[in-house]
Amino acid sequence: MDIDFFKCCNDTYGHAAGDLALQRVSTAIRETISSKNDYIFRVGGEEFALLFECNSSQDALQLVEKLKTNIENLQISAANTKVSPYLTISIGLGNIKSINFNTDSAKIYPFR
């Protein structure tokens, strides 16, 4: 997940305002992704990674759409963009359908 045009916000409003925006966005993520098996990681300046459980791809899509809406509803002013008057996010979504915990790692990585 990436906050769109975040550098413009930092450059326009200052790093203190940018830090406050990051705190508000991370709080919105925590409130949206709330299961005990869900994890949130900050992986860059304005980039976050999320690991969460869901029952279907449709459930995952609904969750990320809710997340996008919740963050835009914070109404954090965006700077120098005509996309939206408020900060928005872009999200890539991947799906792991199952994990075999009994896999022999020597078969997966034969060249160790």
Protein backbone atom coordinates (compact mmCIF):
# COMPACT_ATOMS: atom_id res chain seq x y z
CA MET A 1 0.00 0.00 0.00
CA ASP A 2 1.31 3.43 -0.91
CA ILE A 3 0.02 6.89 0.04
CA ASP A 4 -0.41 8.71 -3.26
CA PHE A 5 1.59 11.93 -3.82
CA PHE A 6 2.84 11.92 -0.23
CA LYS A 7 6.10 13.70 -1.08
CA CYS A 8 4.06 16.68 -2.28
CA CYS A 9 2.33 16.83 1.11
CA ASN A 10 5.66 16.78 2.96
CA ASP A 11 7.11 19.43 0.64
CA THR A 12 4.03 21.68 0.87
CA TYR A 13 2.94 21.33 4.51
CA GLY A 14 6.21 20.26 6.16
CA HIS A 15 7.48 17.07 7.76
CA ALA A 16 5.57 17.60 11.01
CA ALA A 17 2.29 17.60 9.08
CA GLY A 18 3.50 14.59 7.09
CA ASP A 19 4.28 12.71 10.29
CA LEU A 20 0.81 13.49 11.64
CA ALA A 21 -0.74 12.28 8.37
CA LEU A 22 1.23 9.01 8.63
CA GLN A 23 -0.01 8.53 12.19
CA ARG A 24 -3.62 9.12 11.17
CA VAL A 25 -3.32 6.77 8.20
CA SER A 26 -1.73 4.02 10.31
CA THR A 27 -4.50 4.38 12.90
CA ALA A 28 -7.12 4.05 10.16
CA ILE A 29 -5.37 0.91 8.88
CA ARG A 30 -5.31 -0.60 12.39
CA GLU A 31 -9.00 0.19 12.87
CA THR A 32 -9.93 -1.33 9.50
CA ILE A 33 -7.66 -4.40 9.67
CA SER A 34 -8.52 -5.51 13.19
CA SER A 35 -8.36 -9.31 13.49
CA LYS A 36 -5.76 -10.78 15.86
CA ASN A 37 -4.27 -12.58 12.83
CA ASP A 38 -3.81 -9.39 10.78
CA TYR A 39 -0.45 -7.64 10.59
CA ILE A 40 0.57 -4.17 9.43
CA PHE A 41 4.14 -3.18 8.54
CA ARG A 42 5.59 0.17 7.54
CA VAL A 43 8.05 -0.72 4.79
CA GLY A 44 9.05 2.70 3.52
CA GLY A 45 8.42 6.38 3.98
CA GLU A 46 4.74 6.22 3.03
CA GLU A 47 4.47 2.54 2.19
CA PHE A 48 2.77 -0.13 4.27
CA ALA A 49 2.41 -3.89 3.88
CA LEU A 50 -0.58 -5.77 5.25
CA LEU A 51 -1.02 -9.47 5.94
CA PHE A 52 -4.56 -10.50 6.69
CA GLU A 53 -6.77 -13.56 6.63
CA CYS A 54 -9.93 -13.72 4.58
CA ASN A 55 -12.25 -16.40 3.27
CA SER A 56 -12.35 -15.37 -0.39
CA SER A 57 -10.87 -13.02 -2.95
CA GLN A 58 -14.12 -11.07 -2.85
CA ASP A 59 -13.72 -10.57 0.91
CA ALA A 60 -10.17 -9.30 0.34
CA LEU A 61 -11.34 -6.85 -2.33
CA GLN A 62 -14.08 -5.56 -0.05
CA LEU A 63 -11.58 -5.07 2.76
CA VAL A 64 -9.11 -3.06 0.66
CA GLU A 65 -11.94 -0.96 -0.78
CA LYS A 66 -13.09 -0.22 2.78
CA LEU A 67 -9.52 0.68 3.68
CA LYS A 68 -9.25 3.07 0.72
CA THR A 69 -12.56 4.71 1.67
CA ASN A 70 -11.66 5.00 5.37
CA ILE A 71 -8.37 6.72 4.57
CA GLU A 72 -9.93 9.16 2.11
CA ASN A 73 -12.65 9.90 4.70
CA LEU A 74 -9.92 11.16 7.05
CA GLN A 75 -9.95 14.21 4.77
CA ILE A 76 -6.24 14.85 5.08
CA SER A 77 -5.49 17.64 2.62
CA ALA A 78 -3.56 16.56 -0.46
CA ALA A 79 -1.13 18.94 -2.08
CA ASN A 80 -0.54 19.76 -5.74
CA THR A 81 -2.77 17.03 -7.15
CA LYS A 82 -5.98 17.13 -9.14
CA VAL A 83 -6.76 13.49 -8.35
CA SER A 84 -8.46 14.22 -5.04
CA PRO A 85 -8.52 17.06 -2.52
CA TYR A 86 -7.61 14.46 0.14
CA LEU A 87 -4.85 11.89 0.58
CA THR A 88 -5.59 8.65 -1.23
CA ILE A 89 -3.86 5.27 -1.33
CA SER A 90 -2.97 2.71 -3.97
CA ILE A 91 -3.03 -0.96 -3.03
CA GLY A 92 -1.70 -4.10 -4.70
CA LEU A 93 -3.35 -7.32 -3.59
CA GLY A 94 -1.92 -10.84 -3.61
CA ASN A 95 -3.48 -14.07 -2.39
CA ILE A 96 -1.92 -17.17 -0.83
CA LYS A 97 -4.52 -19.90 -1.14
CA SER A 98 -2.87 -22.48 1.09
CA ILE A 99 0.35 -23.33 2.84
CA ASN A 100 1.70 -26.84 3.30
CA PHE A 101 3.49 -26.81 6.64
CA ASN A 102 4.86 -30.34 6.08
CA THR A 103 6.95 -29.44 3.03
CA ASP A 104 10.55 -30.66 3.01
CA SER A 105 12.69 -27.55 2.42
CA ALA A 106 15.38 -29.67 0.71
CA LYS A 107 12.88 -30.36 -2.09
CA ILE A 108 12.06 -26.67 -2.48
CA TYR A 109 15.68 -25.44 -2.30
CA PRO A 110 17.75 -28.34 -3.73
CA PHE A 111 20.92 -26.26 -4.31
CA ARG A 112 21.84 -25.37 -0.73
